[in-house]
Amino acid sequence: MLKTVNIWSFALVGVAIRLFFYKKSITQAVRIVRLAMLVVVFEIILTSCSSLQPPAPLVVPEGLIIFLSDNSPAFVGVQREISKRYQHAIKIYSLGGDENQSAETLKKIQSSDKPTVVAIGLPAAKLARGLSNKKVIFCQVFNYEDTDLITSWMKGVDATPAVMEQFRVWKTLAPRLKKVGVIIGKNQRSLIDKAVTAARVQHIDLVHVEVKSDKETLYAYKQLAPKIQGLWLVPDNRVLSGETIRDIMAYSVKEGKQVAVFSHALLGVGGLLSAESSNADIAVQVLARIEQAGQSKEVPGKSMTALTKANIRINPVMVGRLNLSLPKSLQGLTQVP
């Protein structure tokens, strides 16, 4: 293209010279010289444009590592939902519940060219905290504030189902509900703030009691029970044991207290309603954080991303026992324990 333009410019100048010397046509010669100059200018523009090549695209390794604490259904379910939605290669590692494998597994993850790690469960998240030059998104971790997991390159997705939805359904089921208690361990300020806000929207006063161990939990509940109509039971294993949960549920049934529980299995021991997270919702929020991070070396945004859904079930036996009425809008949520 440029060679052609160059030839045409020289040809036009040659024509102008002939017109001037042989035909004495100065006007035509000037016009042709001007045309030749335009051709030359055009050639210069083309040359400069051709030298401004677009920068080579930044090559970022695609792919994802999913790091499981163990192969329990709660963790594997999230892994499968992520795998269904993620369009690139995935490498899966699992501790299998054996933290003795941690050094070797962490070495494999660190040496991988895959830039992003999804750590599912607390053991995997704690180990992933020791990685370098990786972005980490963790999920299915309740006590993240207790373990210093948050950094500029490591952020999380909440383990608690959408609290706004939990309190909305509870208030719809029990319109006279005014005061609810929650008993929890330390370092849960973020969760409590969200829960207080969600309860307030439904005109419910949420009373927060902090304890240090499961031995304190039942005592704290018995002290709190006369002041509240219901208990929001959250899965803080630092202050809950299997025995403590059974004692709390038995006491609640005896005293006629409504209990919102964190597992559908607890409906069978007196839970009024239960809320579990959705594996699909967790996967969507994890992948949104990965997409948001893009090619950055850090994970932008707030420390934790909230879940948007709550898988809620209602125990019709306890609805009757507590003299409540099941609204038509909630009848599809019943589950007989």
C-alpha atoms as a PDB file:
ATOM      1  CA  MET A   1       0.000   0.000   0.000  1.00  0.00           C
ATOM      2  CA  LEU A   2       2.720   2.496   1.008  1.00  0.00           C
ATOM      3  CA  LYS A   3       4.885   1.598  -2.018  1.00  0.00           C
ATOM      4  CA  THR A   4       1.913   2.294  -4.322  1.00  0.00           C
ATOM      5  CA  VAL A   5       1.340   5.727  -2.742  1.00  0.00           C
ATOM      6  CA  ASN A   6       5.044   6.541  -3.129  1.00  0.00           C
ATOM      7  CA  ILE A   7       5.027   5.657  -6.850  1.00  0.00           C
ATOM      8  CA  TRP A   8       1.925   7.781  -7.469  1.00  0.00           C
ATOM      9  CA  SER A   9       3.461  10.832  -5.757  1.00  0.00           C
ATOM     10  CA  PHE A  10       6.593  10.655  -7.937  1.00  0.00           C
ATOM     11  CA  ALA A  11       4.491  10.161 -11.073  1.00  0.00           C
ATOM     12  CA  LEU A  12       2.384  13.235 -10.327  1.00  0.00           C
ATOM     13  CA  VAL A  13       5.471  15.404  -9.781  1.00  0.00           C
ATOM     14  CA  GLY A  14       6.835  14.162 -13.131  1.00  0.00           C
ATOM     15  CA  VAL A  15       3.650  15.193 -14.922  1.00  0.00           C
ATOM     16  CA  ALA A  16       3.814  18.652 -13.340  1.00  0.00           C
ATOM     17  CA  ILE A  17       7.414  19.162 -14.589  1.00  0.00           C
ATOM     18  CA  ARG A  18       6.470  18.184 -18.162  1.00  0.00           C
ATOM     19  CA  LEU A  19       3.524  20.579 -18.174  1.00  0.00           C
ATOM     20  CA  PHE A  20       5.718  23.419 -16.960  1.00  0.00           C
ATOM     21  CA  PHE A  21       8.631  22.938 -19.402  1.00  0.00           C
ATOM     22  CA  TYR A  22       6.867  21.696 -22.518  1.00  0.00           C
ATOM     23  CA  LYS A  23       3.408  23.216 -22.382  1.00  0.00           C
ATOM     24  CA  LYS A  24       4.188  26.250 -20.211  1.00  0.00           C
ATOM     25  CA  SER A  25       0.981  25.532 -18.224  1.00  0.00           C
ATOM     26  CA  ILE A  26       1.921  26.900 -14.827  1.00  0.00           C
ATOM     27  CA  THR A  27      -1.631  26.691 -13.388  1.00  0.00           C
ATOM     28  CA  GLN A  28      -2.051  23.012 -14.195  1.00  0.00           C
ATOM     29  CA  ALA A  29       1.466  22.259 -12.970  1.00  0.00           C
ATOM     30  CA  VAL A  30       0.748  23.909  -9.592  1.00  0.00           C
ATOM     31  CA  ARG A  31      -2.474  21.936  -9.233  1.00  0.00           C
ATOM     32  CA  ILE A  32      -0.687  18.662  -9.907  1.00  0.00           C
ATOM     33  CA  VAL A  33       2.119  19.522  -7.455  1.00  0.00           C
ATOM     34  CA  ARG A  34      -0.500  20.211  -4.780  1.00  0.00           C
ATOM     35  CA  LEU A  35      -2.098  16.849  -5.520  1.00  0.00           C
ATOM     36  CA  ALA A  36       1.302  15.191  -5.207  1.00  0.00           C
ATOM     37  CA  MET A  37       1.825  16.894  -1.836  1.00  0.00           C
ATOM     38  CA  LEU A  38      -1.530  15.556  -0.624  1.00  0.00           C
ATOM     39  CA  VAL A  39      -0.479  12.078  -1.676  1.00  0.00           C
ATOM     40  CA  VAL A  40       2.776  12.466   0.272  1.00  0.00           C
ATOM     41  CA  VAL A  41       0.889  13.681   3.378  1.00  0.00           C
ATOM     42  CA  PHE A  42      -1.439  10.707   3.088  1.00  0.00           C
ATOM     43  CA  GLU A  43       1.603   8.447   2.875  1.00  0.00           C
ATOM     44  CA  ILE A  44       3.063   9.988   6.061  1.00  0.00           C
ATOM     45  CA  ILE A  45      -0.215   9.478   7.931  1.00  0.00           C
ATOM     46  CA  LEU A  46      -0.383   5.847   6.869  1.00  0.00           C
ATOM     47  CA  THR A  47       3.210   5.290   7.914  1.00  0.00           C
ATOM     48  CA  SER A  48       2.658   6.790  11.365  1.00  0.00           C
ATOM     49  CA  CYS A  49      -0.531   4.777  11.899  1.00  0.00           C
ATOM     50  CA  SER A  50       1.171   1.552  10.928  1.00  0.00           C
ATOM     51  CA  SER A  51       3.833   2.150  13.568  1.00  0.00           C
ATOM     52  CA  LEU A  52       1.228   2.471  16.371  1.00  0.00           C
ATOM     53  CA  GLN A  53       0.548  -1.229  16.828  1.00  0.00           C
ATOM     54  CA  PRO A  54      -1.933  -2.143  19.604  1.00  0.00           C
ATOM     55  CA  PRO A  55      -0.247  -3.552  22.718  1.00  0.00           C
ATOM     56  CA  ALA A  56      -0.124  -7.306  23.013  1.00  0.00           C
ATOM     57  CA  PRO A  57      -2.939  -8.591  25.236  1.00  0.00           C
ATOM     58  CA  LEU A  58      -1.963  -9.430  28.801  1.00  0.00           C
ATOM     59  CA  VAL A  59      -1.755 -13.190  29.126  1.00  0.00           C
ATOM     60  CA  VAL A  60      -3.306 -14.336  32.394  1.00  0.00           C
ATOM     61  CA  PRO A  61      -3.439 -18.055  33.183  1.00  0.00           C
ATOM     62  CA  GLU A  62      -7.032 -19.240  33.188  1.00  0.00           C
ATOM     63  CA  GLY A  63      -8.250 -21.908  35.538  1.00  0.00           C
ATOM     64  CA  LEU A  64      -9.270 -22.409  39.102  1.00  0.00           C
ATOM     65  CA  ILE A  65      -8.229 -24.511  42.062  1.00  0.00           C
ATOM     66  CA  ILE A  66     -10.947 -25.737  44.415  1.00  0.00           C
ATOM     67  CA  PHE A  67      -9.545 -26.707  47.801  1.00  0.00           C
ATOM     68  CA  LEU A  68     -11.896 -28.805  49.958  1.00  0.00           C
ATOM     69  CA  SER A  69     -11.501 -29.276  53.704  1.00  0.00           C
ATOM     70  CA  ASP A  70     -13.061 -32.722  53.349  1.00  0.00           C
ATOM     71  CA  ASN A  71     -15.507 -34.588  51.135  1.00  0.00           C
ATOM     72  CA  SER A  72     -18.646 -33.900  53.167  1.00  0.00           C
ATOM     73  CA  PRO A  73     -21.836 -33.247  51.152  1.00  0.00           C
ATOM     74  CA  ALA A  74     -21.949 -29.576  52.194  1.00  0.00           C
ATOM     75  CA  PHE A  75     -18.502 -28.942  50.703  1.00  0.00           C
ATOM     76  CA  VAL A  76     -18.734 -31.221  47.664  1.00  0.00           C
ATOM     77  CA  GLY A  77     -22.138 -29.744  46.821  1.00  0.00           C
ATOM     78  CA  VAL A  78     -20.629 -26.261  46.525  1.00  0.00           C
ATOM     79  CA  GLN A  79     -17.703 -27.610  44.483  1.00  0.00           C
ATOM     80  CA  ARG A  80     -20.107 -29.234  42.001  1.00  0.00           C
ATOM     81  CA  GLU A  81     -22.150 -26.062  41.613  1.00  0.00           C
ATOM     82  CA  ILE A  82     -18.993 -24.040  40.914  1.00  0.00           C
ATOM     83  CA  SER A  83     -17.811 -26.674  38.414  1.00  0.00           C
ATOM     84  CA  LYS A  84     -21.131 -26.475  36.542  1.00  0.00           C
ATOM     85  CA  ARG A  85     -20.809 -22.726  36.087  1.00  0.00           C
ATOM     86  CA  TYR A  86     -17.075 -22.140  35.584  1.00  0.00           C
ATOM     87  CA  GLN A  87     -16.005 -22.215  31.936  1.00  0.00           C
ATOM     88  CA  HIS A  88     -12.284 -22.973  32.324  1.00  0.00           C
ATOM     89  CA  ALA A  89     -10.153 -25.774  33.731  1.00  0.00           C
ATOM     90  CA  ILE A  90     -10.604 -26.707  37.383  1.00  0.00           C
ATOM     91  CA  LYS A  91      -8.215 -28.661  39.580  1.00  0.00           C
ATOM     92  CA  ILE A  92      -9.676 -30.092  42.783  1.00  0.00           C
ATOM     93  CA  TYR A  93      -7.718 -30.853  45.943  1.00  0.00           C
ATOM     94  CA  SER A  94      -9.124 -32.228  49.186  1.00  0.00           C
ATOM     95  CA  LEU A  95      -7.632 -32.676  52.625  1.00  0.00           C
ATOM     96  CA  GLY A  96     -10.055 -35.539  53.081  1.00  0.00           C
ATOM     97  CA  GLY A  97     -10.375 -34.507  56.698  1.00  0.00           C
ATOM     98  CA  ASP A  98      -6.689 -35.348  57.243  1.00  0.00           C
ATOM     99  CA  GLU A  99      -4.673 -32.219  57.985  1.00  0.00           C
ATOM    100  CA  ASN A 100      -1.468 -34.311  57.917  1.00  0.00           C
ATOM    101  CA  GLN A 101      -1.731 -34.007  54.125  1.00  0.00           C
ATOM    102  CA  SER A 102      -1.666 -30.237  54.357  1.00  0.00           C
ATOM    103  CA  ALA A 103       2.009 -29.566  53.554  1.00  0.00           C
ATOM    104  CA  GLU A 104       2.044 -31.679  50.397  1.00  0.00           C
ATOM    105  CA  THR A 105      -1.333 -30.380  49.199  1.00  0.00           C
ATOM    106  CA  LEU A 106      -0.362 -26.770  49.814  1.00  0.00           C
ATOM    107  CA  LYS A 107       2.882 -27.292  47.882  1.00  0.00           C
ATOM    108  CA  LYS A 108       0.931 -28.562  44.850  1.00  0.00           C
ATOM    109  CA  ILE A 109      -1.472 -25.624  45.000  1.00  0.00           C
ATOM    110  CA  GLN A 110       1.349 -23.094  45.336  1.00  0.00           C
ATOM    111  CA  SER A 111       3.232 -24.506  42.328  1.00  0.00           C
ATOM    112  CA  SER A 112       0.157 -24.462  40.069  1.00  0.00           C
ATOM    113  CA  ASP A 113      -0.101 -21.793  37.364  1.00  0.00           C
ATOM    114  CA  LYS A 114      -3.784 -21.339  38.185  1.00  0.00           C
ATOM    115  CA  PRO A 115      -4.117 -17.874  39.751  1.00  0.00           C
ATOM    116  CA  THR A 116      -7.235 -18.314  41.888  1.00  0.00           C
ATOM    117  CA  VAL A 117      -8.098 -20.662  44.739  1.00  0.00           C
ATOM    118  CA  VAL A 118     -11.540 -21.335  46.205  1.00  0.00           C
ATOM    119  CA  ALA A 119     -11.137 -22.683  49.743  1.00  0.00           C
ATOM    120  CA  ILE A 120     -14.218 -24.497  51.053  1.00  0.00           C
ATOM    121  CA  GLY A 121     -14.420 -24.947  54.823  1.00  0.00           C
ATOM    122  CA  LEU A 122     -12.280 -23.617  57.653  1.00  0.00           C
ATOM    123  CA  PRO A 123      -9.301 -26.056  57.473  1.00  0.00           C
ATOM    124  CA  ALA A 124      -8.796 -25.349  53.768  1.00  0.00           C
ATOM    125  CA  ALA A 125      -9.216 -21.601  54.288  1.00  0.00           C
ATOM    126  CA  LYS A 126      -6.665 -21.507  57.111  1.00  0.00           C
ATOM    127  CA  LEU A 127      -4.105 -23.329  54.962  1.00  0.00           C
ATOM    128  CA  ALA A 128      -4.833 -21.159  51.914  1.00  0.00           C
ATOM    129  CA  ARG A 129      -3.972 -18.131  54.049  1.00  0.00           C
ATOM    130  CA  GLY A 130      -0.339 -19.273  53.758  1.00  0.00           C
ATOM    131  CA  LEU A 131      -0.262 -19.098  49.942  1.00  0.00           C
ATOM    132  CA  SER A 132       1.573 -16.371  48.049  1.00  0.00           C
ATOM    133  CA  ASN A 133       0.849 -14.767  44.664  1.00  0.00           C
ATOM    134  CA  LYS A 134      -2.630 -16.294  44.578  1.00  0.00           C
ATOM    135  CA  LYS A 135      -6.115 -14.860  44.929  1.00  0.00           C
ATOM    136  CA  VAL A 136      -8.254 -16.766  47.424  1.00  0.00           C
ATOM    137  CA  ILE A 137     -12.030 -16.803  47.884  1.00  0.00           C
ATOM    138  CA  PHE A 138     -13.245 -18.812  50.873  1.00  0.00           C
ATOM    139  CA  CYS A 139     -16.728 -20.043  51.736  1.00  0.00           C
ATOM    140  CA  GLN A 140     -18.544 -22.304  54.212  1.00  0.00           C
ATOM    141  CA  VAL A 141     -16.557 -20.674  57.040  1.00  0.00           C
ATOM    142  CA  PHE A 142     -18.611 -19.361  59.958  1.00  0.00           C
ATOM    143  CA  ASN A 143     -15.913 -18.076  62.318  1.00  0.00           C
ATOM    144  CA  TYR A 144     -13.755 -16.232  59.789  1.00  0.00           C
ATOM    145  CA  GLU A 145     -13.219 -13.243  62.099  1.00  0.00           C
ATOM    146  CA  ASP A 146     -11.615 -15.559  64.641  1.00  0.00           C
ATOM    147  CA  THR A 147      -8.865 -16.748  62.295  1.00  0.00           C
ATOM    148  CA  ASP A 148      -7.497 -13.626  60.561  1.00  0.00           C
ATOM    149  CA  LEU A 149      -8.462 -14.801  57.076  1.00  0.00           C
ATOM    150  CA  ILE A 150      -9.155 -11.427  55.473  1.00  0.00           C
ATOM    151  CA  THR A 151      -6.355  -9.819  53.440  1.00  0.00           C
ATOM    152  CA  SER A 152      -6.175  -7.717  50.278  1.00  0.00           C
ATOM    153  CA  TRP A 153      -5.921 -10.930  48.233  1.00  0.00           C
ATOM    154  CA  MET A 154      -8.198 -13.169  50.321  1.00  0.00           C
ATOM    155  CA  LYS A 155     -11.903 -12.461  50.815  1.00  0.00           C
ATOM    156  CA  GLY A 156     -14.974 -14.558  51.500  1.00  0.00           C
ATOM    157  CA  VAL A 157     -18.617 -15.420  50.956  1.00  0.00           C
ATOM    158  CA  ASP A 158     -20.908 -15.599  53.998  1.00  0.00           C
ATOM    159  CA  ALA A 159     -21.825 -18.972  55.466  1.00  0.00           C
ATOM    160  CA  THR A 160     -25.141 -17.714  56.871  1.00  0.00           C
ATOM    161  CA  PRO A 161     -28.213 -17.832  54.603  1.00  0.00           C
ATOM    162  CA  ALA A 162     -29.790 -14.468  53.789  1.00  0.00           C
ATOM    163  CA  VAL A 163     -30.752 -13.130  57.224  1.00  0.00           C
ATOM    164  CA  MET A 164     -33.258 -10.656  55.821  1.00  0.00           C
ATOM    165  CA  GLU A 165     -35.247 -13.536  54.338  1.00  0.00           C
ATOM    166  CA  GLN A 166     -35.035 -15.576  57.544  1.00  0.00           C
ATOM    167  CA  PHE A 167     -36.570 -12.836  59.664  1.00  0.00           C
ATOM    168  CA  ARG A 168     -39.145 -11.972  56.998  1.00  0.00           C
ATOM    169  CA  VAL A 169     -40.490 -15.538  56.931  1.00  0.00           C
ATOM    170  CA  TRP A 170     -40.376 -15.814  60.715  1.00  0.00           C
ATOM    171  CA  LYS A 171     -42.382 -12.618  61.173  1.00  0.00           C
ATOM    172  CA  THR A 172     -44.894 -13.709  58.532  1.00  0.00           C
ATOM    173  CA  LEU A 173     -45.359 -16.975  60.404  1.00  0.00           C
ATOM    174  CA  ALA A 174     -45.505 -15.314  63.839  1.00  0.00           C
ATOM    175  CA  PRO A 175     -46.874 -11.756  63.429  1.00  0.00           C
ATOM    176  CA  ARG A 176     -46.816 -11.119  67.199  1.00  0.00           C
ATOM    177  CA  LEU A 177     -43.109 -11.890  67.470  1.00  0.00           C
ATOM    178  CA  LYS A 178     -41.426  -8.883  69.089  1.00  0.00           C
ATOM    179  CA  LYS A 179     -38.283 -10.050  70.851  1.00  0.00           C
ATOM    180  CA  VAL A 180     -35.729 -12.696  69.830  1.00  0.00           C
ATOM    181  CA  GLY A 181     -32.427 -13.752  71.380  1.00  0.00           C
ATOM    182  CA  VAL A 182     -29.182 -14.999  69.849  1.00  0.00           C
ATOM    183  CA  ILE A 183     -26.333 -16.576  71.824  1.00  0.00           C
ATOM    184  CA  ILE A 184     -22.971 -16.576  70.118  1.00  0.00           C
ATOM    185  CA  GLY A 185     -19.204 -16.555  70.635  1.00  0.00           C
ATOM    186  CA  LYS A 186     -16.875 -13.596  70.232  1.00  0.00           C
ATOM    187  CA  ASN A 187     -15.811 -11.886  66.991  1.00  0.00           C
ATOM    188  CA  GLN A 188     -19.171 -12.063  65.223  1.00  0.00           C
ATOM    189  CA  ARG A 189     -19.840  -8.333  64.992  1.00  0.00           C
ATOM    190  CA  SER A 190     -20.530  -8.412  61.255  1.00  0.00           C
ATOM    191  CA  LEU A 191     -23.170 -11.146  61.524  1.00  0.00           C
ATOM    192  CA  ILE A 192     -24.840  -9.533  64.535  1.00  0.00           C
ATOM    193  CA  ASP A 193     -25.033  -6.162  62.777  1.00  0.00           C
ATOM    194  CA  LYS A 194     -26.727  -7.757  59.750  1.00  0.00           C
ATOM    195  CA  ALA A 195     -29.125  -9.713  61.945  1.00  0.00           C
ATOM    196  CA  VAL A 196     -30.060  -6.686  64.067  1.00  0.00           C
ATOM    197  CA  THR A 197     -30.827  -4.735  60.890  1.00  0.00           C
ATOM    198  CA  ALA A 198     -32.886  -7.583  59.401  1.00  0.00           C
ATOM    199  CA  ALA A 199     -34.837  -8.028  62.637  1.00  0.00           C
ATOM    200  CA  ARG A 200     -35.483  -4.303  62.947  1.00  0.00           C
ATOM    201  CA  VAL A 201     -37.010  -4.235  59.458  1.00  0.00           C
ATOM    202  CA  GLN A 202     -39.591  -6.725  60.792  1.00  0.00           C
ATOM    203  CA  HIS A 203     -40.078  -4.706  64.013  1.00  0.00           C
ATOM    204  CA  ILE A 204     -38.269  -7.357  66.049  1.00  0.00           C
ATOM    205  CA  ASP A 205     -35.818  -6.535  68.824  1.00  0.00           C
ATOM    206  CA  LEU A 206     -32.798  -8.879  68.614  1.00  0.00           C
ATOM    207  CA  VAL A 207     -31.001  -9.391  71.936  1.00  0.00           C
ATOM    208  CA  HIS A 208     -27.389 -10.512  71.579  1.00  0.00           C
ATOM    209  CA  VAL A 209     -25.604 -12.474  74.318  1.00  0.00           C
ATOM    210  CA  GLU A 210     -21.920 -13.400  73.975  1.00  0.00           C
ATOM    211  CA  VAL A 211     -20.549 -16.517  75.688  1.00  0.00           C
ATOM    212  CA  LYS A 212     -17.167 -18.250  75.777  1.00  0.00           C
ATOM    213  CA  SER A 213     -18.058 -21.945  75.697  1.00  0.00           C
ATOM    214  CA  ASP A 214     -20.861 -24.447  75.228  1.00  0.00           C
ATOM    215  CA  LYS A 215     -21.030 -24.822  79.013  1.00  0.00           C
ATOM    216  CA  GLU A 216     -22.113 -21.197  79.291  1.00  0.00           C
ATOM    217  CA  THR A 217     -24.633 -21.344  76.454  1.00  0.00           C
ATOM    218  CA  LEU A 218     -27.449 -23.272  78.128  1.00  0.00           C
ATOM    219  CA  TYR A 219     -27.156 -21.213  81.313  1.00  0.00           C
ATOM    220  CA  ALA A 220     -27.243 -17.975  79.282  1.00  0.00           C
ATOM    221  CA  TYR A 221     -30.333 -19.189  77.429  1.00  0.00           C
ATOM    222  CA  LYS A 222     -32.211 -20.022  80.612  1.00  0.00           C
ATOM    223  CA  GLN A 223     -31.434 -16.541  81.913  1.00  0.00           C
ATOM    224  CA  LEU A 224     -32.542 -14.959  78.652  1.00  0.00           C
ATOM    225  CA  ALA A 225     -35.646 -17.073  77.965  1.00  0.00           C
ATOM    226  CA  PRO A 226     -38.136 -15.154  80.190  1.00  0.00           C
ATOM    227  CA  LYS A 227     -37.327 -11.955  78.267  1.00  0.00           C
ATOM    228  CA  ILE A 228     -37.767 -13.299  74.723  1.00  0.00           C
ATOM    229  CA  GLN A 229     -40.339 -15.097  72.594  1.00  0.00           C
ATOM    230  CA  GLY A 230     -37.888 -16.926  70.373  1.00  0.00           C
ATOM    231  CA  LEU A 231     -34.269 -17.956  69.845  1.00  0.00           C
ATOM    232  CA  TRP A 232     -32.255 -17.567  66.642  1.00  0.00           C
ATOM    233  CA  LEU A 233     -29.863 -20.518  66.821  1.00  0.00           C
ATOM    234  CA  VAL A 234     -26.680 -20.067  64.766  1.00  0.00           C
ATOM    235  CA  PRO A 235     -24.019 -22.732  64.046  1.00  0.00           C
ATOM    236  CA  ASP A 236     -21.187 -21.447  66.209  1.00  0.00           C
ATOM    237  CA  ASN A 237     -19.385 -24.670  67.133  1.00  0.00           C
ATOM    238  CA  ARG A 238     -17.229 -22.820  69.658  1.00  0.00           C
ATOM    239  CA  VAL A 239     -20.229 -22.398  71.943  1.00  0.00           C
ATOM    240  CA  LEU A 240     -22.490 -25.224  70.769  1.00  0.00           C
ATOM    241  CA  SER A 241     -22.086 -28.969  71.162  1.00  0.00           C
ATOM    242  CA  GLY A 242     -24.500 -31.738  70.256  1.00  0.00           C
ATOM    243  CA  GLU A 243     -25.507 -32.088  73.885  1.00  0.00           C
ATOM    244  CA  THR A 244     -26.018 -28.341  74.292  1.00  0.00           C
ATOM    245  CA  ILE A 245     -28.227 -28.200  71.208  1.00  0.00           C
ATOM    246  CA  ARG A 246     -30.395 -31.059  72.513  1.00  0.00           C
ATOM    247  CA  ASP A 247     -30.731 -29.354  75.901  1.00  0.00           C
ATOM    248  CA  ILE A 248     -31.647 -26.012  74.316  1.00  0.00           C
ATOM    249  CA  MET A 249     -34.270 -27.586  72.082  1.00  0.00           C
ATOM    250  CA  ALA A 250     -35.796 -29.627  74.923  1.00  0.00           C
ATOM    251  CA  TYR A 251     -35.974 -26.542  77.142  1.00  0.00           C
ATOM    252  CA  SER A 252     -37.533 -24.491  74.319  1.00  0.00           C
ATOM    253  CA  VAL A 253     -40.276 -27.052  73.698  1.00  0.00           C
ATOM    254  CA  LYS A 254     -41.007 -27.218  77.422  1.00  0.00           C
ATOM    255  CA  GLU A 255     -41.179 -23.417  77.762  1.00  0.00           C
ATOM    256  CA  GLY A 256     -43.093 -22.831  74.522  1.00  0.00           C
ATOM    257  CA  LYS A 257     -40.328 -20.856  72.807  1.00  0.00           C
ATOM    258  CA  GLN A 258     -40.030 -20.470  69.062  1.00  0.00           C
ATOM    259  CA  VAL A 259     -36.626 -21.540  67.730  1.00  0.00           C
ATOM    260  CA  ALA A 260     -35.285 -20.732  64.275  1.00  0.00           C
ATOM    261  CA  VAL A 261     -32.593 -23.342  63.603  1.00  0.00           C
ATOM    262  CA  PHE A 262     -29.723 -23.634  61.115  1.00  0.00           C
ATOM    263  CA  SER A 263     -30.424 -27.170  59.878  1.00  0.00           C
ATOM    264  CA  HIS A 264     -33.564 -28.895  58.621  1.00  0.00           C
ATOM    265  CA  ALA A 265     -32.563 -31.892  60.772  1.00  0.00           C
ATOM    266  CA  LEU A 266     -33.242 -29.811  63.895  1.00  0.00           C
ATOM    267  CA  LEU A 267     -36.914 -29.468  63.005  1.00  0.00           C
ATOM    268  CA  GLY A 268     -37.295 -32.961  64.418  1.00  0.00           C
ATOM    269  CA  VAL A 269     -36.225 -31.837  67.902  1.00  0.00           C
ATOM    270  CA  GLY A 270     -38.511 -28.824  68.157  1.00  0.00           C
ATOM    271  CA  GLY A 271     -37.351 -26.249  65.629  1.00  0.00           C
ATOM    272  CA  LEU A 272     -40.152 -24.042  64.314  1.00  0.00           C
ATOM    273  CA  LEU A 273     -38.378 -23.084  61.121  1.00  0.00           C
ATOM    274  CA  SER A 274     -34.974 -23.842  59.647  1.00  0.00           C
ATOM    275  CA  ALA A 275     -32.769 -22.005  57.177  1.00  0.00           C
ATOM    276  CA  GLU A 276     -29.982 -23.598  55.163  1.00  0.00           C
ATOM    277  CA  SER A 277     -27.797 -21.999  52.531  1.00  0.00           C
ATOM    278  CA  SER A 278     -28.110 -22.908  48.860  1.00  0.00           C
ATOM    279  CA  ASN A 279     -25.051 -24.480  47.236  1.00  0.00           C
ATOM    280  CA  ALA A 280     -25.989 -22.740  43.998  1.00  0.00           C
ATOM    281  CA  ASP A 281     -26.194 -19.355  45.743  1.00  0.00           C
ATOM    282  CA  ILE A 282     -22.758 -19.861  47.307  1.00  0.00           C
ATOM    283  CA  ALA A 283     -21.303 -20.823  43.916  1.00  0.00           C
ATOM    284  CA  VAL A 284     -22.800 -17.770  42.217  1.00  0.00           C
ATOM    285  CA  GLN A 285     -21.375 -15.413  44.844  1.00  0.00           C
ATOM    286  CA  VAL A 286     -17.924 -17.077  44.702  1.00  0.00           C
ATOM    287  CA  LEU A 287     -17.780 -16.776  40.918  1.00  0.00           C
ATOM    288  CA  ALA A 288     -18.956 -13.161  41.094  1.00  0.00           C
ATOM    289  CA  ARG A 289     -15.983 -12.359  43.327  1.00  0.00           C
ATOM    290  CA  ILE A 290     -13.616 -14.122  40.927  1.00  0.00           C
ATOM    291  CA  GLU A 291     -15.021 -12.167  37.982  1.00  0.00           C
ATOM    292  CA  GLN A 292     -14.800  -8.924  39.953  1.00  0.00           C
ATOM    293  CA  ALA A 293     -11.127  -9.566  40.706  1.00  0.00           C
ATOM    294  CA  GLY A 294     -10.390 -10.151  37.012  1.00  0.00           C
ATOM    295  CA  GLN A 295      -6.693  -9.794  36.217  1.00  0.00           C
ATOM    296  CA  SER A 296      -5.904  -7.970  39.449  1.00  0.00           C
ATOM    297  CA  LYS A 297      -3.583  -9.554  41.982  1.00  0.00           C
ATOM    298  CA  GLU A 298      -6.041  -8.641  44.735  1.00  0.00           C
ATOM    299  CA  VAL A 299      -9.676  -9.365  45.524  1.00  0.00           C
ATOM    300  CA  PRO A 300     -11.539  -6.039  45.538  1.00  0.00           C
ATOM    301  CA  GLY A 301     -14.597  -5.118  47.546  1.00  0.00           C
ATOM    302  CA  LYS A 302     -15.709  -5.752  51.102  1.00  0.00           C
ATOM    303  CA  SER A 303     -14.418  -8.552  53.286  1.00  0.00           C
ATOM    304  CA  MET A 304     -17.484 -10.768  52.873  1.00  0.00           C
ATOM    305  CA  THR A 305     -20.193 -11.078  50.254  1.00  0.00           C
ATOM    306  CA  ALA A 306     -23.651 -11.863  51.627  1.00  0.00           C
ATOM    307  CA  LEU A 307     -25.729 -14.736  50.349  1.00  0.00           C
ATOM    308  CA  THR A 308     -28.952 -13.733  48.618  1.00  0.00           C
ATOM    309  CA  LYS A 309     -31.112 -16.777  49.337  1.00  0.00           C
ATOM    310  CA  ALA A 310     -32.238 -18.912  52.262  1.00  0.00           C
ATOM    311  CA  ASN A 311     -33.609 -22.426  51.888  1.00  0.00           C
ATOM    312  CA  ILE A 312     -36.332 -22.289  54.537  1.00  0.00           C
ATOM    313  CA  ARG A 313     -38.521 -25.083  55.913  1.00  0.00           C
ATOM    314  CA  ILE A 314     -41.343 -24.832  58.470  1.00  0.00           C
ATOM    315  CA  ASN A 315     -42.325 -27.505  60.982  1.00  0.00           C
ATOM    316  CA  PRO A 316     -46.152 -27.749  60.906  1.00  0.00           C
ATOM    317  CA  VAL A 317     -46.158 -29.768  64.137  1.00  0.00           C
ATOM    318  CA  MET A 318     -44.555 -26.886  66.043  1.00  0.00           C
ATOM    319  CA  VAL A 319     -46.821 -24.391  64.256  1.00  0.00           C
ATOM    320  CA  GLY A 320     -49.793 -26.134  65.870  1.00  0.00           C
ATOM    321  CA  ARG A 321     -48.100 -26.631  69.222  1.00  0.00           C
ATOM    322  CA  LEU A 322     -47.227 -22.933  69.480  1.00  0.00           C
ATOM    323  CA  ASN A 323     -50.784 -21.911  68.484  1.00  0.00           C
ATOM    324  CA  LEU A 324     -49.660 -20.242  65.269  1.00  0.00           C
ATOM    325  CA  SER A 325     -51.448 -20.208  61.924  1.00  0.00           C
ATOM    326  CA  LEU A 326     -49.663 -21.110  58.726  1.00  0.00           C
ATOM    327  CA  PRO A 327     -50.263 -18.361  56.135  1.00  0.00           C
ATOM    328  CA  LYS A 328     -51.147 -19.468  52.631  1.00  0.00           C
ATOM    329  CA  SER A 329     -47.973 -17.831  51.284  1.00  0.00           C
ATOM    330  CA  LEU A 330     -45.813 -20.155  53.414  1.00  0.00           C
ATOM    331  CA  GLN A 331     -47.643 -23.446  52.936  1.00  0.00           C
ATOM    332  CA  GLY A 332     -45.169 -24.585  50.299  1.00  0.00           C
ATOM    333  CA  LEU A 333     -42.340 -24.433  52.858  1.00  0.00           C
ATOM    334  CA  THR A 334     -43.646 -27.059  55.277  1.00  0.00           C
ATOM    335  CA  GLN A 335     -41.590 -30.115  56.134  1.00  0.00           C
ATOM    336  CA  VAL A 336     -42.910 -32.732  58.532  1.00  0.00           C
ATOM    337  CA  PRO A 337     -39.978 -33.935  60.652  1.00  0.00           C
END
